[in-house]
Amino acid sequence: MAERPLIKAVVLDLFDTLVRWDPERLPMFAWGGREFRSTVPWFIDHLEKAIVDRFDREHAINTYFEVLKEIDAQRERDAIEVSCLDRFMRMLERLGLGNDAEVRELAAELRRLHMSGVREVTWAPPDWIAAVRAIAPDYRLGLLSNFDDSETGHQIVRDTGIAGLFDAIIISADIGLRKPHPDVFRQIATMLECEPAEILFVGDTPRYDVLGAHQAGMYTVWLNHRNAQLAPEIPAPDYTIKDLSELPALLASIK
């Protein structure tokens, strides 16, 4: 896209675009002969207390990671969203606990514990929030995030203090589809009452944000936090900046 765009709307990714997910704040976890940071400690003890007479810790953790791997493959293959609740339901079913109301209640509690931890280690840098406030008077604003829990995704947006600035918000768990599926980009464009070519999409993930938005006909801004190189199959973004704090200056330069 060589011509200077007429941008009417800006759509942001959520994680590592508007907010930071900080893995260094995850608890340490020992499993498989090594230690690493993981979300598992947030829910595994509760699971043990709930099914103490049938609990095999190693089997439960192995099953959890097997389910997680399967879901990741589904997401990559089909660009669908599998909710966090469904993840725990699959885990419990694989552990032989059935699918009755009591099991669904346990899965919901595991999901709650997991997501409360996710929310605690997610935060919005003040200069990123200031950047959104700076551009809000001049553009319609949208937010489009790949995230597997609708309630928590919207809570995290509200935690930033600027949810009211967005004219449209889609969390992938809302609709069952994930970037780079073209329908999620079409839906946000419709909600913003804009043509794709009137939208600037801003995100940090090359495949989901740069490739997905490009294929949808949107202009793209890649947030290249770490001076990374794009894979050959990813089209060059229209613009590249380090983080969201640079967005107001970029928009001023392309008006």
C-alpha atoms as a PDB file:
ATOM      1  CA  MET A   1       0.000   0.000   0.000  1.00  0.00           C
ATOM      2  CA  ALA A   2       2.041   2.873  -1.288  1.00  0.00           C
ATOM      3  CA  GLU A   3      -0.591   5.638  -1.107  1.00  0.00           C
ATOM      4  CA  ARG A   4      -1.063   7.629   2.052  1.00  0.00           C
ATOM      5  CA  PRO A   5      -3.996   6.014   3.837  1.00  0.00           C
ATOM      6  CA  LEU A   6      -7.157   7.734   4.990  1.00  0.00           C
ATOM      7  CA  ILE A   7      -7.429   6.239   8.451  1.00  0.00           C
ATOM      8  CA  LYS A   8     -10.786   6.530  10.209  1.00  0.00           C
ATOM      9  CA  ALA A   9     -10.326   3.830  12.856  1.00  0.00           C
ATOM     10  CA  VAL A  10      -7.532   2.235  14.857  1.00  0.00           C
ATOM     11  CA  VAL A  11      -7.886  -1.325  16.120  1.00  0.00           C
ATOM     12  CA  LEU A  12      -5.576  -2.612  18.838  1.00  0.00           C
ATOM     13  CA  ASP A  13      -4.544  -6.065  19.914  1.00  0.00           C
ATOM     14  CA  LEU A  14      -4.699  -6.524  23.709  1.00  0.00           C
ATOM     15  CA  PHE A  15      -1.787  -8.525  25.169  1.00  0.00           C
ATOM     16  CA  ASP A  16       1.657  -6.965  24.657  1.00  0.00           C
ATOM     17  CA  THR A  17      -0.042  -4.170  22.754  1.00  0.00           C
ATOM     18  CA  LEU A  18      -2.355  -2.387  25.203  1.00  0.00           C
ATOM     19  CA  VAL A  19      -1.414  -4.442  28.275  1.00  0.00           C
ATOM     20  CA  ARG A  20       1.575  -6.489  29.345  1.00  0.00           C
ATOM     21  CA  TRP A  21       1.312 -10.130  30.374  1.00  0.00           C
ATOM     22  CA  ASP A  22       4.320 -10.620  32.640  1.00  0.00           C
ATOM     23  CA  PRO A  23       5.431 -14.302  32.762  1.00  0.00           C
ATOM     24  CA  GLU A  24       8.103 -13.466  35.336  1.00  0.00           C
ATOM     25  CA  ARG A  25       5.291 -12.954  37.820  1.00  0.00           C
ATOM     26  CA  LEU A  26       3.999 -16.503  37.353  1.00  0.00           C
ATOM     27  CA  PRO A  27       4.709 -18.953  40.194  1.00  0.00           C
ATOM     28  CA  MET A  28       7.586 -21.411  39.834  1.00  0.00           C
ATOM     29  CA  PHE A  29       6.527 -24.972  39.133  1.00  0.00           C
ATOM     30  CA  ALA A  30       8.513 -28.220  39.269  1.00  0.00           C
ATOM     31  CA  TRP A  31       7.485 -30.961  36.849  1.00  0.00           C
ATOM     32  CA  GLY A  32       9.202 -33.439  34.576  1.00  0.00           C
ATOM     33  CA  GLY A  33      12.545 -32.935  36.245  1.00  0.00           C
ATOM     34  CA  ARG A  34      12.714 -29.200  35.679  1.00  0.00           C
ATOM     35  CA  GLU A  35      11.478 -25.934  37.148  1.00  0.00           C
ATOM     36  CA  PHE A  36       9.687 -23.284  35.171  1.00  0.00           C
ATOM     37  CA  ARG A  37       7.065 -20.584  35.564  1.00  0.00           C
ATOM     38  CA  SER A  38       3.525 -21.811  35.052  1.00  0.00           C
ATOM     39  CA  THR A  39      -0.112 -21.144  35.841  1.00  0.00           C
ATOM     40  CA  VAL A  40      -0.564 -24.711  37.161  1.00  0.00           C
ATOM     41  CA  PRO A  41       0.056 -23.848  40.867  1.00  0.00           C
ATOM     42  CA  TRP A  42      -2.941 -21.537  40.743  1.00  0.00           C
ATOM     43  CA  PHE A  43      -5.365 -24.450  40.420  1.00  0.00           C
ATOM     44  CA  ILE A  44      -3.702 -27.833  41.017  1.00  0.00           C
ATOM     45  CA  ASP A  45      -3.973 -27.806  44.829  1.00  0.00           C
ATOM     46  CA  HIS A  46      -7.669 -26.983  44.606  1.00  0.00           C
ATOM     47  CA  LEU A  47      -8.157 -29.904  42.225  1.00  0.00           C
ATOM     48  CA  GLU A  48      -6.371 -32.226  44.650  1.00  0.00           C
ATOM     49  CA  LYS A  49      -8.599 -31.181  47.540  1.00  0.00           C
ATOM     50  CA  ALA A  50     -11.716 -31.611  45.405  1.00  0.00           C
ATOM     51  CA  ILE A  51     -10.951 -35.197  44.284  1.00  0.00           C
ATOM     52  CA  VAL A  52      -8.569 -36.304  46.999  1.00  0.00           C
ATOM     53  CA  ASP A  53      -9.595 -39.979  46.915  1.00  0.00           C
ATOM     54  CA  ARG A  54      -8.991 -40.230  43.149  1.00  0.00           C
ATOM     55  CA  PHE A  55      -6.135 -37.786  42.707  1.00  0.00           C
ATOM     56  CA  ASP A  56      -2.930 -38.768  40.926  1.00  0.00           C
ATOM     57  CA  ARG A  57      -0.925 -35.536  40.724  1.00  0.00           C
ATOM     58  CA  GLU A  58       1.445 -36.578  37.946  1.00  0.00           C
ATOM     59  CA  HIS A  59      -1.375 -37.999  35.839  1.00  0.00           C
ATOM     60  CA  ALA A  60      -3.490 -34.888  36.358  1.00  0.00           C
ATOM     61  CA  ILE A  61      -0.677 -32.542  35.322  1.00  0.00           C
ATOM     62  CA  ASN A  62       0.237 -34.703  32.319  1.00  0.00           C
ATOM     63  CA  THR A  63      -3.400 -34.712  31.258  1.00  0.00           C
ATOM     64  CA  TYR A  64      -3.632 -30.932  31.596  1.00  0.00           C
ATOM     65  CA  PHE A  65      -0.637 -30.366  29.344  1.00  0.00           C
ATOM     66  CA  GLU A  66      -1.878 -32.938  26.835  1.00  0.00           C
ATOM     67  CA  VAL A  67      -5.196 -31.113  26.591  1.00  0.00           C
ATOM     68  CA  LEU A  68      -3.421 -27.775  26.289  1.00  0.00           C
ATOM     69  CA  LYS A  69      -1.278 -29.088  23.431  1.00  0.00           C
ATOM     70  CA  GLU A  70      -4.347 -30.403  21.611  1.00  0.00           C
ATOM     71  CA  ILE A  71      -6.159 -27.101  21.987  1.00  0.00           C
ATOM     72  CA  ASP A  72      -3.147 -25.145  20.729  1.00  0.00           C
ATOM     73  CA  ALA A  73      -3.079 -27.377  17.646  1.00  0.00           C
ATOM     74  CA  GLN A  74      -6.804 -26.822  17.045  1.00  0.00           C
ATOM     75  CA  ARG A  75      -6.378 -23.084  17.337  1.00  0.00           C
ATOM     76  CA  GLU A  76      -3.493 -22.972  14.903  1.00  0.00           C
ATOM     77  CA  ARG A  77      -5.141 -25.315  12.416  1.00  0.00           C
ATOM     78  CA  ASP A  78      -8.672 -23.911  12.386  1.00  0.00           C
ATOM     79  CA  ALA A  79      -8.376 -20.400  13.879  1.00  0.00           C
ATOM     80  CA  ILE A  80     -11.102 -21.307  16.385  1.00  0.00           C
ATOM     81  CA  GLU A  81     -11.239 -20.408  20.043  1.00  0.00           C
ATOM     82  CA  VAL A  82     -11.562 -23.058  22.724  1.00  0.00           C
ATOM     83  CA  SER A  83     -12.536 -21.491  26.000  1.00  0.00           C
ATOM     84  CA  CYS A  84     -10.623 -21.838  29.245  1.00  0.00           C
ATOM     85  CA  LEU A  85     -13.690 -23.498  30.758  1.00  0.00           C
ATOM     86  CA  ASP A  86     -13.719 -26.082  27.955  1.00  0.00           C
ATOM     87  CA  ARG A  87     -10.019 -26.724  28.619  1.00  0.00           C
ATOM     88  CA  PHE A  88     -10.724 -27.699  32.215  1.00  0.00           C
ATOM     89  CA  MET A  89     -13.822 -29.683  31.248  1.00  0.00           C
ATOM     90  CA  ARG A  90     -11.730 -31.745  28.828  1.00  0.00           C
ATOM     91  CA  MET A  91      -9.114 -32.282  31.482  1.00  0.00           C
ATOM     92  CA  LEU A  92     -11.623 -33.495  34.053  1.00  0.00           C
ATOM     93  CA  GLU A  93     -13.360 -35.757  31.546  1.00  0.00           C
ATOM     94  CA  ARG A  94      -9.995 -37.311  30.623  1.00  0.00           C
ATOM     95  CA  LEU A  95      -9.379 -37.907  34.313  1.00  0.00           C
ATOM     96  CA  GLY A  96     -12.537 -39.982  34.356  1.00  0.00           C
ATOM     97  CA  LEU A  97     -14.662 -37.588  36.356  1.00  0.00           C
ATOM     98  CA  GLY A  98     -17.551 -37.518  33.897  1.00  0.00           C
ATOM     99  CA  ASN A  99     -19.561 -34.532  32.711  1.00  0.00           C
ATOM    100  CA  ASP A 100     -22.218 -33.983  35.365  1.00  0.00           C
ATOM    101  CA  ALA A 101     -23.161 -30.742  37.086  1.00  0.00           C
ATOM    102  CA  GLU A 102     -20.675 -31.296  39.892  1.00  0.00           C
ATOM    103  CA  VAL A 103     -17.794 -31.709  37.443  1.00  0.00           C
ATOM    104  CA  ARG A 104     -18.867 -28.632  35.505  1.00  0.00           C
ATOM    105  CA  GLU A 105     -18.899 -26.695  38.788  1.00  0.00           C
ATOM    106  CA  LEU A 106     -15.354 -27.879  39.536  1.00  0.00           C
ATOM    107  CA  ALA A 107     -14.187 -26.895  36.046  1.00  0.00           C
ATOM    108  CA  ALA A 108     -15.708 -23.448  36.555  1.00  0.00           C
ATOM    109  CA  GLU A 109     -13.821 -23.037  39.840  1.00  0.00           C
ATOM    110  CA  LEU A 110     -10.515 -24.103  38.228  1.00  0.00           C
ATOM    111  CA  ARG A 111     -11.164 -21.625  35.435  1.00  0.00           C
ATOM    112  CA  ARG A 112     -11.869 -18.885  38.003  1.00  0.00           C
ATOM    113  CA  LEU A 113      -8.641 -19.557  39.907  1.00  0.00           C
ATOM    114  CA  HIS A 114      -6.607 -19.669  36.711  1.00  0.00           C
ATOM    115  CA  MET A 115      -8.070 -16.477  35.297  1.00  0.00           C
ATOM    116  CA  SER A 116      -7.811 -14.500  38.519  1.00  0.00           C
ATOM    117  CA  GLY A 117      -4.077 -15.240  38.402  1.00  0.00           C
ATOM    118  CA  VAL A 118      -3.841 -14.188  34.766  1.00  0.00           C
ATOM    119  CA  ARG A 119      -5.507 -10.909  35.616  1.00  0.00           C
ATOM    120  CA  GLU A 120      -3.118 -10.286  38.519  1.00  0.00           C
ATOM    121  CA  VAL A 121      -0.004 -10.562  36.293  1.00  0.00           C
ATOM    122  CA  THR A 122      -1.432  -8.355  33.544  1.00  0.00           C
ATOM    123  CA  TRP A 123      -1.024  -4.585  33.661  1.00  0.00           C
ATOM    124  CA  ALA A 124      -1.155  -1.544  31.419  1.00  0.00           C
ATOM    125  CA  PRO A 125       1.942   0.701  31.177  1.00  0.00           C
ATOM    126  CA  PRO A 126       0.883   4.317  31.751  1.00  0.00           C
ATOM    127  CA  ASP A 127       2.541   5.605  28.570  1.00  0.00           C
ATOM    128  CA  TRP A 128       0.591   3.084  26.493  1.00  0.00           C
ATOM    129  CA  ILE A 129      -2.654   4.249  28.062  1.00  0.00           C
ATOM    130  CA  ALA A 130      -1.668   7.865  27.473  1.00  0.00           C
ATOM    131  CA  ALA A 131      -1.107   7.071  23.796  1.00  0.00           C
ATOM    132  CA  VAL A 132      -4.639   5.722  23.408  1.00  0.00           C
ATOM    133  CA  ARG A 133      -6.088   8.731  25.166  1.00  0.00           C
ATOM    134  CA  ALA A 134      -4.127  10.984  22.804  1.00  0.00           C
ATOM    135  CA  ILE A 135      -5.545   9.439  19.626  1.00  0.00           C
ATOM    136  CA  ALA A 136      -9.098   8.820  20.862  1.00  0.00           C
ATOM    137  CA  PRO A 137     -10.497  12.240  19.849  1.00  0.00           C
ATOM    138  CA  ASP A 138      -9.513  11.721  16.213  1.00  0.00           C
ATOM    139  CA  TYR A 139     -10.302   8.061  15.474  1.00  0.00           C
ATOM    140  CA  ARG A 140     -12.875   5.413  16.105  1.00  0.00           C
ATOM    141  CA  LEU A 141     -11.210   2.822  18.322  1.00  0.00           C
ATOM    142  CA  GLY A 142     -11.518  -0.941  18.338  1.00  0.00           C
ATOM    143  CA  LEU A 143      -9.905  -3.779  20.242  1.00  0.00           C
ATOM    144  CA  LEU A 144      -9.518  -7.332  18.918  1.00  0.00           C
ATOM    145  CA  SER A 145      -7.864  -9.953  21.103  1.00  0.00           C
ATOM    146  CA  ASN A 146      -7.106 -13.657  20.939  1.00  0.00           C
ATOM    147  CA  PHE A 147      -8.002 -14.697  24.472  1.00  0.00           C
ATOM    148  CA  ASP A 148      -9.857 -17.757  25.712  1.00  0.00           C
ATOM    149  CA  ASP A 149     -11.992 -16.239  28.450  1.00  0.00           C
ATOM    150  CA  SER A 150     -14.541 -13.596  27.572  1.00  0.00           C
ATOM    151  CA  GLU A 151     -15.275 -12.370  31.095  1.00  0.00           C
ATOM    152  CA  THR A 152     -11.612 -11.965  32.043  1.00  0.00           C
ATOM    153  CA  GLY A 153     -10.703 -10.407  28.709  1.00  0.00           C
ATOM    154  CA  HIS A 154     -13.308  -7.685  29.165  1.00  0.00           C
ATOM    155  CA  GLN A 155     -12.283  -7.237  32.811  1.00  0.00           C
ATOM    156  CA  ILE A 156      -8.669  -6.693  31.758  1.00  0.00           C
ATOM    157  CA  VAL A 157      -9.794  -4.038  29.280  1.00  0.00           C
ATOM    158  CA  ARG A 158     -11.801  -2.344  32.027  1.00  0.00           C
ATOM    159  CA  ASP A 159      -8.783  -2.547  34.343  1.00  0.00           C
ATOM    160  CA  THR A 160      -6.926  -0.202  31.986  1.00  0.00           C
ATOM    161  CA  GLY A 161      -9.374   2.580  32.838  1.00  0.00           C
ATOM    162  CA  ILE A 162     -10.045   3.376  29.174  1.00  0.00           C
ATOM    163  CA  ALA A 163     -12.595   0.751  28.133  1.00  0.00           C
ATOM    164  CA  GLY A 164     -15.062   3.558  27.476  1.00  0.00           C
ATOM    165  CA  LEU A 165     -12.850   4.938  24.698  1.00  0.00           C
ATOM    166  CA  PHE A 166     -13.416   1.870  22.512  1.00  0.00           C
ATOM    167  CA  ASP A 167     -16.291   1.833  20.052  1.00  0.00           C
ATOM    168  CA  ALA A 168     -15.965  -1.931  19.498  1.00  0.00           C
ATOM    169  CA  ILE A 169     -14.346  -4.749  21.487  1.00  0.00           C
ATOM    170  CA  ILE A 170     -14.063  -8.391  20.449  1.00  0.00           C
ATOM    171  CA  ILE A 171     -12.456 -11.041  22.631  1.00  0.00           C
ATOM    172  CA  SER A 172     -12.051 -14.245  20.612  1.00  0.00           C
ATOM    173  CA  ALA A 173     -13.947 -16.209  23.254  1.00  0.00           C
ATOM    174  CA  ASP A 174     -16.948 -13.955  22.499  1.00  0.00           C
ATOM    175  CA  ILE A 175     -17.331 -15.404  19.005  1.00  0.00           C
ATOM    176  CA  GLY A 176     -15.438 -18.703  18.949  1.00  0.00           C
ATOM    177  CA  LEU A 177     -12.959 -17.555  16.301  1.00  0.00           C
ATOM    178  CA  ARG A 178      -9.398 -16.254  16.549  1.00  0.00           C
ATOM    179  CA  LYS A 179      -7.112 -14.100  14.481  1.00  0.00           C
ATOM    180  CA  PRO A 180      -6.031 -14.610  11.728  1.00  0.00           C
ATOM    181  CA  HIS A 181      -9.505 -15.891  10.720  1.00  0.00           C
ATOM    182  CA  PRO A 182     -10.847 -13.295   8.258  1.00  0.00           C
ATOM    183  CA  ASP A 183     -14.285 -13.193   9.867  1.00  0.00           C
ATOM    184  CA  VAL A 184     -12.969 -11.622  13.086  1.00  0.00           C
ATOM    185  CA  PHE A 185     -11.489  -8.736  11.115  1.00  0.00           C
ATOM    186  CA  ARG A 186     -14.680  -8.339   9.076  1.00  0.00           C
ATOM    187  CA  GLN A 187     -16.731  -8.260  12.261  1.00  0.00           C
ATOM    188  CA  ILE A 188     -14.668  -5.540  13.929  1.00  0.00           C
ATOM    189  CA  ALA A 189     -14.796  -3.458  10.729  1.00  0.00           C
ATOM    190  CA  THR A 190     -18.586  -3.802  10.652  1.00  0.00           C
ATOM    191  CA  MET A 191     -18.863  -2.813  14.292  1.00  0.00           C
ATOM    192  CA  LEU A 192     -16.726   0.271  13.617  1.00  0.00           C
ATOM    193  CA  GLU A 193     -18.788   1.133  10.511  1.00  0.00           C
ATOM    194  CA  CYS A 194     -15.581   1.337   8.455  1.00  0.00           C
ATOM    195  CA  GLU A 195     -14.182  -0.291   5.363  1.00  0.00           C
ATOM    196  CA  PRO A 196     -11.099  -2.416   6.064  1.00  0.00           C
ATOM    197  CA  ALA A 197      -8.930   0.012   4.081  1.00  0.00           C
ATOM    198  CA  GLU A 198      -9.943   2.760   6.522  1.00  0.00           C
ATOM    199  CA  ILE A 199      -8.587   0.829   9.510  1.00  0.00           C
ATOM    200  CA  LEU A 200      -5.093   0.749  10.979  1.00  0.00           C
ATOM    201  CA  PHE A 201      -4.516  -2.471  12.907  1.00  0.00           C
ATOM    202  CA  VAL A 202      -1.880  -2.398  15.653  1.00  0.00           C
ATOM    203  CA  GLY A 203      -0.433  -5.552  17.169  1.00  0.00           C
ATOM    204  CA  ASP A 204       2.715  -7.386  18.185  1.00  0.00           C
ATOM    205  CA  THR A 205       2.186 -10.868  16.727  1.00  0.00           C
ATOM    206  CA  PRO A 206       3.269 -11.234  13.086  1.00  0.00           C
ATOM    207  CA  ARG A 207       0.959 -14.100  12.099  1.00  0.00           C
ATOM    208  CA  TYR A 208      -2.181 -13.064  13.951  1.00  0.00           C
ATOM    209  CA  ASP A 209      -1.894  -9.281  13.731  1.00  0.00           C
ATOM    210  CA  VAL A 210       0.241  -8.390  10.713  1.00  0.00           C
ATOM    211  CA  LEU A 211      -0.710 -11.236   8.374  1.00  0.00           C
ATOM    212  CA  GLY A 212      -4.330 -11.443   9.501  1.00  0.00           C
ATOM    213  CA  ALA A 213      -5.037  -7.720   9.213  1.00  0.00           C
ATOM    214  CA  HIS A 214      -3.138  -7.464   5.907  1.00  0.00           C
ATOM    215  CA  GLN A 215      -5.200 -10.266   4.391  1.00  0.00           C
ATOM    216  CA  ALA A 216      -8.337  -8.493   5.556  1.00  0.00           C
ATOM    217  CA  GLY A 217      -7.307  -5.362   3.649  1.00  0.00           C
ATOM    218  CA  MET A 218      -6.333  -3.255   6.657  1.00  0.00           C
ATOM    219  CA  TYR A 219      -3.215  -1.186   7.137  1.00  0.00           C
ATOM    220  CA  THR A 220      -0.867  -2.673   9.696  1.00  0.00           C
ATOM    221  CA  VAL A 221       1.431  -1.485  12.454  1.00  0.00           C
ATOM    222  CA  TRP A 222       3.785  -4.065  13.896  1.00  0.00           C
ATOM    223  CA  LEU A 223       4.887  -3.493  17.477  1.00  0.00           C
ATOM    224  CA  ASN A 224       8.369  -4.950  17.285  1.00  0.00           C
ATOM    225  CA  HIS A 225       9.333  -4.868  20.950  1.00  0.00           C
ATOM    226  CA  ARG A 226      12.564  -6.854  20.553  1.00  0.00           C
ATOM    227  CA  ASN A 227      13.917  -5.946  17.113  1.00  0.00           C
ATOM    228  CA  ALA A 228      12.821  -9.330  15.777  1.00  0.00           C
ATOM    229  CA  GLN A 229      12.908 -10.449  12.151  1.00  0.00           C
ATOM    230  CA  LEU A 230       9.748 -11.357  10.274  1.00  0.00           C
ATOM    231  CA  ALA A 231       9.399 -14.851   8.851  1.00  0.00           C
ATOM    232  CA  PRO A 232       9.397 -14.977   5.022  1.00  0.00           C
ATOM    233  CA  GLU A 233       5.694 -15.835   4.842  1.00  0.00           C
ATOM    234  CA  ILE A 234       4.651 -12.696   6.759  1.00  0.00           C
ATOM    235  CA  PRO A 235       4.027  -9.605   4.592  1.00  0.00           C
ATOM    236  CA  ALA A 236       5.951  -6.504   5.553  1.00  0.00           C
ATOM    237  CA  PRO A 237       3.839  -4.302   7.828  1.00  0.00           C
ATOM    238  CA  ASP A 238       2.976  -0.847   6.596  1.00  0.00           C
ATOM    239  CA  TYR A 239       4.588   0.634   9.685  1.00  0.00           C
ATOM    240  CA  THR A 240       6.791  -0.620  12.508  1.00  0.00           C
ATOM    241  CA  ILE A 241       7.200   0.943  15.937  1.00  0.00           C
ATOM    242  CA  LYS A 242       8.631  -0.298  19.207  1.00  0.00           C
ATOM    243  CA  ASP A 243       5.547   0.050  21.396  1.00  0.00           C
ATOM    244  CA  LEU A 244       2.222   1.824  21.669  1.00  0.00           C
ATOM    245  CA  SER A 245       3.715   5.018  23.068  1.00  0.00           C
ATOM    246  CA  GLU A 246       4.991   5.806  19.545  1.00  0.00           C
ATOM    247  CA  LEU A 247       1.566   5.494  17.904  1.00  0.00           C
ATOM    248  CA  PRO A 248       0.365   9.126  18.233  1.00  0.00           C
ATOM    249  CA  ALA A 249       3.475  10.427  16.464  1.00  0.00           C
ATOM    250  CA  LEU A 250       3.093   7.810  13.738  1.00  0.00           C
ATOM    251  CA  LEU A 251      -0.528   8.740  13.129  1.00  0.00           C
ATOM    252  CA  ALA A 252       0.373  12.435  13.011  1.00  0.00           C
ATOM    253  CA  SER A 253       2.953  11.680  10.325  1.00  0.00           C
ATOM    254  CA  ILE A 254       0.483   9.869   8.029  1.00  0.00           C
ATOM    255  CA  LYS A 255      -2.474  12.226   8.305  1.00  0.00           C
END
